[in-house]
Amino acid sequence: MSYLKHFKRAAAVGAVALAAVSLQPGTAGAAPAGDGGNHTKVVGGTRAQQGEFPFMVRLSMGCGGALYAKDIVLTAAHCVDGSGPDTSVTATAGVVDLKDPKAVKVKSTEILQAPGYNGKGKDWALIKLAKPIKNIPTLKIAESDKFNNGDFTIAGWGADKEGGQQQRYLLKAQVPFVDDATCGKAYGTDLTPGDEICAGKLDTGGVDTCQGDSGGPMFRKDDGGRWIQVGIVSWGEGCARPGKPGVYTEVSAFAADIKKGAGRLGG
C-alpha cells in the first residue's frame, strides 16, 4: 500500500490538538496527499448529542474506539504497537466534549494486537483498562455478515477535513454500504476482501471518516433496534473523496478472534 495515496486514519500523537468540532473515523499518521476538496464539516457530519453514542471512546494516541466490555476497548491494530503490558494509553469515555469535566479517564494495562497483523487486513486490537468503566453501555459486535448492508453510522473526534486537526466535540454522520466488487475497482489489490468492508458516497464524496478516527466503530441498528458494530475505521485514500470510499475492518470476520482475545485479557 502506498502511503502517498492510501493512509491509515490514526492521528500522529503530536497532532491531537482539540479544535472546534469534528467526527470521522480515520487512518494512521501519514501526511495527507493533497487537500481532497474543501470539506469544512466532519466531512458531512453533525455534532452528536451527549449520551447519543455512549460507547464511544477517545484514545490518547490519537485514535477512537468502542467499549467492547466494561474494561476493554476495541480499536484498530494500526493504532497500537504490538501486544503486551502497556500503561501508556489513556481512554476517555462518557462525554462528547473531550474537555467536559465529567469525562471518565482510565489508563490501559495491556494491549492485544490482532495476531498476524502486518499492516494489511486484520486491523483490530483490544486495550485492557485498569478498571471497569461503570454506568456506560458497551457496543456489541456483529457475528455474521447479516448486517453488512444499508446505511451505517460513523462517529469520532478526528479531522473534519483532509489534513485538518483533531476535534474537541464528537461528530456523527451516515455512510452507505459499498460492495467489495465496487470497492475493489477503487483500490485494487490494496483492498483485502473478507477482512474489510467499505462504505461511503461514491458519486459525491463529502461524507467519510478521516485522520484521528482510526479504531472508531462503524455501526447500525440490529433487528431489535440496538446498536451493533459492523466495522472499525481503518484507511482510505484521502478523506471523503468521490470514488474513494472509507475502508473498515469487517468486524464479523474477526468476531470469534475478538471474543477469544477478550477472554485472554479477562474481559
C-alpha atoms as a PDB file:
ATOM      1  CA  MET A   1       0.000   0.000   0.000  1.00  0.00           C
ATOM      2  CA  SER A   2       1.422   3.385  -0.952  1.00  0.00           C
ATOM      3  CA  TYR A   3       1.341   5.773   1.978  1.00  0.00           C
ATOM      4  CA  LEU A   4       1.490   8.636  -0.505  1.00  0.00           C
ATOM      5  CA  LYS A   5      -2.010   7.675  -1.581  1.00  0.00           C
ATOM      6  CA  HIS A   6      -3.577   5.336   0.954  1.00  0.00           C
ATOM      7  CA  PHE A   7      -3.066   6.022   4.612  1.00  0.00           C
ATOM      8  CA  LYS A   8      -4.348   4.799   7.894  1.00  0.00           C
ATOM      9  CA  ARG A   9      -6.637   7.132   9.725  1.00  0.00           C
ATOM     10  CA  ALA A  10      -4.847   7.440  13.041  1.00  0.00           C
ATOM     11  CA  ALA A  11      -3.567  10.818  14.103  1.00  0.00           C
ATOM     12  CA  ALA A  12       0.096  11.485  14.728  1.00  0.00           C
ATOM     13  CA  VAL A  13       0.481  11.833  18.506  1.00  0.00           C
ATOM     14  CA  GLY A  14       1.624  15.436  18.215  1.00  0.00           C
ATOM     15  CA  ALA A  15      -1.445  16.318  16.198  1.00  0.00           C
ATOM     16  CA  VAL A  16      -4.062  15.604  18.828  1.00  0.00           C
ATOM     17  CA  ALA A  17      -4.931  19.273  19.224  1.00  0.00           C
ATOM     18  CA  LEU A  18      -8.528  19.901  20.220  1.00  0.00           C
ATOM     19  CA  ALA A  19     -10.077  22.158  17.601  1.00  0.00           C
ATOM     20  CA  ALA A  20     -13.670  23.208  17.181  1.00  0.00           C
ATOM     21  CA  VAL A  21     -15.906  20.359  16.086  1.00  0.00           C
ATOM     22  CA  SER A  22     -15.474  17.093  14.199  1.00  0.00           C
ATOM     23  CA  LEU A  23     -16.332  13.473  13.651  1.00  0.00           C
ATOM     24  CA  GLN A  24     -14.788  10.902  11.403  1.00  0.00           C
ATOM     25  CA  PRO A  25     -13.099   7.587  11.631  1.00  0.00           C
ATOM     26  CA  GLY A  26      -9.593   7.917  10.359  1.00  0.00           C
ATOM     27  CA  THR A  27      -6.341   6.287   9.408  1.00  0.00           C
ATOM     28  CA  ALA A  28      -2.755   6.301  10.642  1.00  0.00           C
ATOM     29  CA  GLY A  29      -0.297   9.085  10.837  1.00  0.00           C
ATOM     30  CA  ALA A  30       0.959   9.631   7.306  1.00  0.00           C
ATOM     31  CA  ALA A  31       0.777  13.057   5.756  1.00  0.00           C
ATOM     32  CA  PRO A  32      -2.336  13.552   3.621  1.00  0.00           C
ATOM     33  CA  ALA A  33      -1.906  13.686  -0.132  1.00  0.00           C
ATOM     34  CA  GLY A  34      -3.494  16.864  -1.426  1.00  0.00           C
ATOM     35  CA  ASP A  35      -6.498  18.565   0.124  1.00  0.00           C
ATOM     36  CA  GLY A  36      -9.131  16.299  -1.405  1.00  0.00           C
ATOM     37  CA  GLY A  37     -11.638  19.129  -1.624  1.00  0.00           C
ATOM     38  CA  ASN A  38     -12.836  21.832   0.720  1.00  0.00           C
ATOM     39  CA  HIS A  39     -14.727  19.938   3.416  1.00  0.00           C
ATOM     40  CA  THR A  40     -15.354  22.217   6.387  1.00  0.00           C
ATOM     41  CA  LYS A  41     -17.539  19.910   8.426  1.00  0.00           C
ATOM     42  CA  VAL A  42     -16.898  16.408   9.744  1.00  0.00           C
ATOM     43  CA  VAL A  43     -16.968  15.658   6.204  1.00  0.00           C
ATOM     44  CA  GLY A  44     -20.702  15.675   6.152  1.00  0.00           C
ATOM     45  CA  GLY A  45     -21.105  15.269   9.894  1.00  0.00           C
ATOM     46  CA  THR A  46     -23.062  16.990  12.646  1.00  0.00           C
ATOM     47  CA  ARG A  47     -22.373  17.228  16.356  1.00  0.00           C
ATOM     48  CA  ALA A  48     -23.503  14.235  18.402  1.00  0.00           C
ATOM     49  CA  GLN A  49     -25.652  14.802  21.470  1.00  0.00           C
ATOM     50  CA  GLN A  50     -24.449  13.880  24.939  1.00  0.00           C
ATOM     51  CA  GLY A  51     -25.384  10.230  25.563  1.00  0.00           C
ATOM     52  CA  GLU A  52     -26.276   9.522  21.927  1.00  0.00           C
ATOM     53  CA  PHE A  53     -23.388   7.068  21.414  1.00  0.00           C
ATOM     54  CA  PRO A  54     -22.255   6.384  24.990  1.00  0.00           C
ATOM     55  CA  PHE A  55     -19.965   3.513  23.983  1.00  0.00           C
ATOM     56  CA  MET A  56     -17.593   5.849  22.087  1.00  0.00           C
ATOM     57  CA  VAL A  57     -14.052   6.111  23.455  1.00  0.00           C
ATOM     58  CA  ARG A  58     -11.240   8.520  22.651  1.00  0.00           C
ATOM     59  CA  LEU A  59      -7.700   7.120  22.979  1.00  0.00           C
ATOM     60  CA  SER A  60      -4.710   9.280  23.870  1.00  0.00           C
ATOM     61  CA  MET A  61      -2.549   8.138  20.935  1.00  0.00           C
ATOM     62  CA  GLY A  62      -4.985   9.885  18.592  1.00  0.00           C
ATOM     63  CA  CYS A  63      -7.453   7.114  17.753  1.00  0.00           C
ATOM     64  CA  GLY A  64     -11.019   6.209  18.519  1.00  0.00           C
ATOM     65  CA  GLY A  65     -12.529   3.046  19.905  1.00  0.00           C
ATOM     66  CA  ALA A  66     -15.672   1.468  21.300  1.00  0.00           C
ATOM     67  CA  LEU A  67     -16.303  -0.054  24.701  1.00  0.00           C
ATOM     68  CA  TYR A  68     -16.411  -3.791  23.943  1.00  0.00           C
ATOM     69  CA  ALA A  69     -16.571  -4.762  27.627  1.00  0.00           C
ATOM     70  CA  LYS A  70     -16.643  -2.585  30.736  1.00  0.00           C
ATOM     71  CA  ASP A  71     -12.842  -2.787  30.889  1.00  0.00           C
ATOM     72  CA  ILE A  72     -11.891  -3.464  27.235  1.00  0.00           C
ATOM     73  CA  VAL A  73     -11.819  -1.101  24.259  1.00  0.00           C
ATOM     74  CA  LEU A  74     -11.985  -2.398  20.681  1.00  0.00           C
ATOM     75  CA  THR A  75      -9.858  -0.317  18.297  1.00  0.00           C
ATOM     76  CA  ALA A  76      -7.628  -0.713  15.222  1.00  0.00           C
ATOM     77  CA  ALA A  77      -4.402  -2.718  15.135  1.00  0.00           C
ATOM     78  CA  HIS A  78      -2.556   0.122  13.400  1.00  0.00           C
ATOM     79  CA  CYS A  79      -3.284   2.362  16.404  1.00  0.00           C
ATOM     80  CA  VAL A  80      -1.094   0.275  18.717  1.00  0.00           C
ATOM     81  CA  ASP A  81       2.445  -1.040  18.696  1.00  0.00           C
ATOM     82  CA  GLY A  82       2.224  -4.779  19.245  1.00  0.00           C
ATOM     83  CA  SER A  83       0.893  -6.795  22.162  1.00  0.00           C
ATOM     84  CA  GLY A  84       1.804  -6.960  25.837  1.00  0.00           C
ATOM     85  CA  PRO A  85       1.706  -4.936  29.062  1.00  0.00           C
ATOM     86  CA  ASP A  86       1.205  -1.248  28.313  1.00  0.00           C
ATOM     87  CA  THR A  87       0.196   1.593  30.617  1.00  0.00           C
ATOM     88  CA  SER A  88       0.778   4.418  28.132  1.00  0.00           C
ATOM     89  CA  VAL A  89      -2.761   4.761  26.748  1.00  0.00           C
ATOM     90  CA  THR A  90      -5.486   6.840  28.377  1.00  0.00           C
ATOM     91  CA  ALA A  91      -9.096   6.119  27.410  1.00  0.00           C
ATOM     92  CA  THR A  92     -11.596   8.976  27.703  1.00  0.00           C
ATOM     93  CA  ALA A  93     -15.270   7.997  27.835  1.00  0.00           C
ATOM     94  CA  GLY A  94     -18.715   9.199  28.812  1.00  0.00           C
ATOM     95  CA  VAL A  95     -18.655  12.564  27.040  1.00  0.00           C
ATOM     96  CA  VAL A  96     -18.975  14.137  23.597  1.00  0.00           C
ATOM     97  CA  ASP A  97     -16.880  17.163  24.663  1.00  0.00           C
ATOM     98  CA  LEU A  98     -13.336  15.998  25.432  1.00  0.00           C
ATOM     99  CA  LYS A  99     -12.912  18.972  27.795  1.00  0.00           C
ATOM    100  CA  ASP A 100     -16.018  18.090  29.786  1.00  0.00           C
ATOM    101  CA  PRO A 101     -15.013  17.785  33.482  1.00  0.00           C
ATOM    102  CA  LYS A 102     -17.349  14.778  33.744  1.00  0.00           C
ATOM    103  CA  ALA A 103     -15.188  12.765  31.350  1.00  0.00           C
ATOM    104  CA  VAL A 104     -14.113   9.358  32.639  1.00  0.00           C
ATOM    105  CA  LYS A 105     -10.401   8.731  32.092  1.00  0.00           C
ATOM    106  CA  VAL A 106      -8.845   5.305  32.598  1.00  0.00           C
ATOM    107  CA  LYS A 107      -5.315   4.077  31.873  1.00  0.00           C
ATOM    108  CA  SER A 108      -4.503   0.934  29.923  1.00  0.00           C
ATOM    109  CA  THR A 109      -2.809  -2.101  31.434  1.00  0.00           C
ATOM    110  CA  GLU A 110      -2.373  -4.422  28.446  1.00  0.00           C
ATOM    111  CA  ILE A 111      -2.812  -4.409  24.674  1.00  0.00           C
ATOM    112  CA  LEU A 112      -3.637  -7.264  22.330  1.00  0.00           C
ATOM    113  CA  GLN A 113      -2.965  -6.566  18.671  1.00  0.00           C
ATOM    114  CA  ALA A 114      -4.582  -8.899  16.140  1.00  0.00           C
ATOM    115  CA  PRO A 115      -2.360 -11.988  15.802  1.00  0.00           C
ATOM    116  CA  GLY A 116      -0.558 -11.956  12.463  1.00  0.00           C
ATOM    117  CA  TYR A 117      -1.236  -8.272  11.772  1.00  0.00           C
ATOM    118  CA  ASN A 118       1.232  -6.943   9.196  1.00  0.00           C
ATOM    119  CA  GLY A 119      -0.381  -3.724   8.024  1.00  0.00           C
ATOM    120  CA  LYS A 120      -2.838  -5.261   5.564  1.00  0.00           C
ATOM    121  CA  GLY A 121      -6.166  -6.588   6.810  1.00  0.00           C
ATOM    122  CA  LYS A 122      -6.706  -7.915  10.361  1.00  0.00           C
ATOM    123  CA  ASP A 123      -6.877  -4.320  11.573  1.00  0.00           C
ATOM    124  CA  TRP A 124      -8.252  -4.788  15.090  1.00  0.00           C
ATOM    125  CA  ALA A 125      -6.874  -4.608  18.607  1.00  0.00           C
ATOM    126  CA  LEU A 126      -8.087  -4.748  22.201  1.00  0.00           C
ATOM    127  CA  ILE A 127      -7.000  -2.469  25.029  1.00  0.00           C
ATOM    128  CA  LYS A 128      -7.447  -3.691  28.593  1.00  0.00           C
ATOM    129  CA  LEU A 129      -8.275  -0.930  31.070  1.00  0.00           C
ATOM    130  CA  ALA A 130      -7.058  -0.607  34.652  1.00  0.00           C
ATOM    131  CA  LYS A 131     -10.639  -0.595  35.942  1.00  0.00           C
ATOM    132  CA  PRO A 132     -14.128  -1.090  34.542  1.00  0.00           C
ATOM    133  CA  ILE A 133     -15.990   1.958  33.244  1.00  0.00           C
ATOM    134  CA  LYS A 134     -19.291   1.713  35.061  1.00  0.00           C
ATOM    135  CA  ASN A 135     -22.677   3.060  34.019  1.00  0.00           C
ATOM    136  CA  ILE A 136     -21.705   3.238  30.344  1.00  0.00           C
ATOM    137  CA  PRO A 137     -23.127   0.659  27.912  1.00  0.00           C
ATOM    138  CA  THR A 138     -20.915  -1.479  25.734  1.00  0.00           C
ATOM    139  CA  LEU A 139     -21.297  -1.914  21.964  1.00  0.00           C
ATOM    140  CA  LYS A 140     -21.969  -5.459  20.804  1.00  0.00           C
ATOM    141  CA  ILE A 141     -20.221  -6.698  17.674  1.00  0.00           C
ATOM    142  CA  ALA A 142     -21.707  -8.368  14.606  1.00  0.00           C
ATOM    143  CA  GLU A 143     -21.026 -12.106  14.490  1.00  0.00           C
ATOM    144  CA  SER A 144     -22.187 -12.629  10.907  1.00  0.00           C
ATOM    145  CA  ASP A 145     -22.323 -10.557   7.729  1.00  0.00           C
ATOM    146  CA  LYS A 146     -26.098 -10.207   8.075  1.00  0.00           C
ATOM    147  CA  PHE A 147     -25.766  -6.503   8.873  1.00  0.00           C
ATOM    148  CA  ASN A 148     -23.218  -5.669   6.176  1.00  0.00           C
ATOM    149  CA  ASN A 149     -25.715  -3.653   4.166  1.00  0.00           C
ATOM    150  CA  GLY A 150     -27.731  -0.454   4.155  1.00  0.00           C
ATOM    151  CA  ASP A 151     -26.595   2.735   5.854  1.00  0.00           C
ATOM    152  CA  PHE A 152     -24.083   2.880   8.690  1.00  0.00           C
ATOM    153  CA  THR A 153     -23.364   5.465  11.357  1.00  0.00           C
ATOM    154  CA  ILE A 154     -19.820   6.723  11.864  1.00  0.00           C
ATOM    155  CA  ALA A 155     -18.638   8.897  14.744  1.00  0.00           C
ATOM    156  CA  GLY A 156     -15.353  10.243  16.012  1.00  0.00           C
ATOM    157  CA  TRP A 157     -13.158  13.127  17.128  1.00  0.00           C
ATOM    158  CA  GLY A 158     -10.914  13.007  14.065  1.00  0.00           C
ATOM    159  CA  ALA A 159     -10.133  15.681  11.479  1.00  0.00           C
ATOM    160  CA  ASP A 160     -13.119  17.443   9.897  1.00  0.00           C
ATOM    161  CA  LYS A 161     -11.324  17.642   6.561  1.00  0.00           C
ATOM    162  CA  GLU A 162      -8.348  16.042   4.867  1.00  0.00           C
ATOM    163  CA  GLY A 163      -5.218  17.394   6.566  1.00  0.00           C
ATOM    164  CA  GLY A 164      -7.294  19.005   9.340  1.00  0.00           C
ATOM    165  CA  GLN A 165      -6.917  18.958  13.103  1.00  0.00           C
ATOM    166  CA  GLN A 166      -8.405  16.650  15.697  1.00  0.00           C
ATOM    167  CA  GLN A 167     -11.652  17.845  17.191  1.00  0.00           C
ATOM    168  CA  ARG A 168     -12.969  18.661  20.635  1.00  0.00           C
ATOM    169  CA  TYR A 169     -16.545  17.531  20.016  1.00  0.00           C
ATOM    170  CA  LEU A 170     -17.819  14.187  18.777  1.00  0.00           C
ATOM    171  CA  LEU A 171     -19.301  14.297  15.278  1.00  0.00           C
ATOM    172  CA  LYS A 172     -21.602  11.804  13.570  1.00  0.00           C
ATOM    173  CA  ALA A 173     -22.629  11.007  10.001  1.00  0.00           C
ATOM    174  CA  GLN A 174     -24.128   8.250   7.875  1.00  0.00           C
ATOM    175  CA  VAL A 175     -22.480   6.401   5.005  1.00  0.00           C
ATOM    176  CA  PRO A 176     -23.948   3.758   2.672  1.00  0.00           C
ATOM    177  CA  PHE A 177     -22.519   0.261   2.195  1.00  0.00           C
ATOM    178  CA  VAL A 178     -20.260  -0.268  -0.832  1.00  0.00           C
ATOM    179  CA  ASP A 179     -19.880  -3.852  -2.087  1.00  0.00           C
ATOM    180  CA  ASP A 180     -16.461  -5.497  -2.444  1.00  0.00           C
ATOM    181  CA  ALA A 181     -16.500  -5.514  -6.241  1.00  0.00           C
ATOM    182  CA  THR A 182     -17.152  -1.786  -6.444  1.00  0.00           C
ATOM    183  CA  CYS A 183     -14.656  -1.005  -3.692  1.00  0.00           C
ATOM    184  CA  GLY A 184     -12.103  -3.210  -5.434  1.00  0.00           C
ATOM    185  CA  LYS A 185     -12.374  -1.027  -8.527  1.00  0.00           C
ATOM    186  CA  ALA A 186     -11.384   1.944  -6.380  1.00  0.00           C
ATOM    187  CA  TYR A 187      -8.476   0.324  -4.542  1.00  0.00           C
ATOM    188  CA  GLY A 188      -7.392  -2.765  -6.487  1.00  0.00           C
ATOM    189  CA  THR A 189      -5.111  -5.144  -4.611  1.00  0.00           C
ATOM    190  CA  ASP A 190      -4.773  -2.751  -1.674  1.00  0.00           C
ATOM    191  CA  LEU A 191      -8.219  -3.942  -0.566  1.00  0.00           C
ATOM    192  CA  THR A 192      -8.423  -7.200   1.386  1.00  0.00           C
ATOM    193  CA  PRO A 193     -11.897  -8.654   0.678  1.00  0.00           C
ATOM    194  CA  GLY A 194     -13.121 -10.774   3.553  1.00  0.00           C
ATOM    195  CA  ASP A 195     -11.124  -8.716   6.055  1.00  0.00           C
ATOM    196  CA  GLU A 196     -12.517  -5.324   5.079  1.00  0.00           C
ATOM    197  CA  ILE A 197     -15.850  -3.653   4.364  1.00  0.00           C
ATOM    198  CA  CYS A 198     -16.296  -0.357   2.512  1.00  0.00           C
ATOM    199  CA  ALA A 199     -18.750   2.496   2.932  1.00  0.00           C
ATOM    200  CA  GLY A 200     -19.128   5.976   1.512  1.00  0.00           C
ATOM    201  CA  LYS A 201     -20.881   8.154  -1.051  1.00  0.00           C
ATOM    202  CA  LEU A 202     -19.166   7.107  -4.268  1.00  0.00           C
ATOM    203  CA  ASP A 203     -20.723   9.666  -6.589  1.00  0.00           C
ATOM    204  CA  THR A 204     -20.439  12.786  -4.484  1.00  0.00           C
ATOM    205  CA  GLY A 205     -17.997  12.036  -1.678  1.00  0.00           C
ATOM    206  CA  GLY A 206     -18.291  14.584   1.115  1.00  0.00           C
ATOM    207  CA  VAL A 207     -19.004  12.142   3.959  1.00  0.00           C
ATOM    208  CA  ASP A 208     -16.302   9.949   5.456  1.00  0.00           C
ATOM    209  CA  THR A 209     -14.034   9.269   8.378  1.00  0.00           C
ATOM    210  CA  CYS A 210     -10.617  10.926   8.479  1.00  0.00           C
ATOM    211  CA  GLN A 211      -7.279  11.130  10.335  1.00  0.00           C
ATOM    212  CA  GLY A 212      -7.841  10.628  14.054  1.00  0.00           C
ATOM    213  CA  ASP A 213     -10.932   8.476  13.594  1.00  0.00           C
ATOM    214  CA  SER A 214      -8.978   5.229  13.230  1.00  0.00           C
ATOM    215  CA  GLY A 215     -10.181   2.498  15.537  1.00  0.00           C
ATOM    216  CA  GLY A 216     -13.611   4.020  15.978  1.00  0.00           C
ATOM    217  CA  PRO A 217     -16.728   1.973  15.241  1.00  0.00           C
ATOM    218  CA  MET A 218     -18.978   1.905  12.206  1.00  0.00           C
ATOM    219  CA  PHE A 219     -22.374   0.714  13.416  1.00  0.00           C
ATOM    220  CA  ARG A 220     -26.081   0.368  12.683  1.00  0.00           C
ATOM    221  CA  LYS A 221     -29.245  -0.922  14.345  1.00  0.00           C
ATOM    222  CA  ASP A 222     -29.886  -4.664  14.581  1.00  0.00           C
ATOM    223  CA  ASP A 223     -33.286  -6.332  14.222  1.00  0.00           C
ATOM    224  CA  GLY A 224     -34.114  -5.384  17.785  1.00  0.00           C
ATOM    225  CA  GLY A 225     -33.257  -1.731  17.359  1.00  0.00           C
ATOM    226  CA  ARG A 226     -29.970  -1.939  19.266  1.00  0.00           C
ATOM    227  CA  TRP A 227     -26.650  -0.613  18.032  1.00  0.00           C
ATOM    228  CA  ILE A 228     -24.297  -3.231  16.619  1.00  0.00           C
ATOM    229  CA  GLN A 229     -20.753  -2.696  15.380  1.00  0.00           C
ATOM    230  CA  VAL A 230     -20.032  -3.861  11.829  1.00  0.00           C
ATOM    231  CA  GLY A 231     -16.761  -2.043  11.138  1.00  0.00           C
ATOM    232  CA  ILE A 232     -13.631  -0.462  12.595  1.00  0.00           C
ATOM    233  CA  VAL A 233     -12.233   2.688  10.956  1.00  0.00           C
ATOM    234  CA  SER A 234      -9.111   1.610   9.096  1.00  0.00           C
ATOM    235  CA  TRP A 235      -7.951   3.502   5.993  1.00  0.00           C
ATOM    236  CA  GLY A 236      -8.799   5.233   2.745  1.00  0.00           C
ATOM    237  CA  GLU A 237      -7.419   7.434   0.011  1.00  0.00           C
ATOM    238  CA  GLY A 238      -7.688  10.936   1.375  1.00  0.00           C
ATOM    239  CA  CYS A 239     -10.931  11.776   3.176  1.00  0.00           C
ATOM    240  CA  ALA A 240     -14.387  11.938   1.614  1.00  0.00           C
ATOM    241  CA  ARG A 241     -13.122  11.948  -1.974  1.00  0.00           C
ATOM    242  CA  PRO A 242     -15.625  10.940  -4.685  1.00  0.00           C
ATOM    243  CA  GLY A 243     -14.987   7.389  -5.849  1.00  0.00           C
ATOM    244  CA  LYS A 244     -12.817   6.597  -2.801  1.00  0.00           C
ATOM    245  CA  PRO A 245     -14.952   5.089  -0.023  1.00  0.00           C
ATOM    246  CA  GLY A 246     -13.734   4.584   3.503  1.00  0.00           C
ATOM    247  CA  VAL A 247     -12.321   1.138   4.284  1.00  0.00           C
ATOM    248  CA  TYR A 248     -13.217  -0.523   7.581  1.00  0.00           C
ATOM    249  CA  THR A 249     -12.238  -3.746   9.294  1.00  0.00           C
ATOM    250  CA  GLU A 250     -15.097  -6.220   8.796  1.00  0.00           C
ATOM    251  CA  VAL A 251     -15.902  -6.985  12.421  1.00  0.00           C
ATOM    252  CA  SER A 252     -17.939 -10.132  11.773  1.00  0.00           C
ATOM    253  CA  ALA A 253     -14.934 -11.754  10.085  1.00  0.00           C
ATOM    254  CA  PHE A 254     -12.988 -11.476  13.344  1.00  0.00           C
ATOM    255  CA  ALA A 255     -15.776 -11.802  15.916  1.00  0.00           C
ATOM    256  CA  ALA A 256     -14.540 -15.176  17.183  1.00  0.00           C
ATOM    257  CA  ASP A 257     -10.948 -13.932  17.428  1.00  0.00           C
ATOM    258  CA  ILE A 258     -12.049 -10.760  19.216  1.00  0.00           C
ATOM    259  CA  LYS A 259     -14.045 -12.761  21.738  1.00  0.00           C
ATOM    260  CA  LYS A 260     -11.127 -15.109  22.279  1.00  0.00           C
ATOM    261  CA  GLY A 261      -8.759 -12.193  22.729  1.00  0.00           C
ATOM    262  CA  ALA A 262     -11.062 -10.511  25.205  1.00  0.00           C
ATOM    263  CA  GLY A 263     -11.181 -13.748  27.158  1.00  0.00           C
ATOM    264  CA  ARG A 264      -7.403 -13.803  27.335  1.00  0.00           C
ATOM    265  CA  LEU A 265      -7.465 -10.257  28.707  1.00  0.00           C
ATOM    266  CA  GLY A 266     -10.026 -11.285  31.287  1.00  0.00           C
ATOM    267  CA  GLY A 267     -12.926  -9.425  29.715  1.00  0.00           C
END
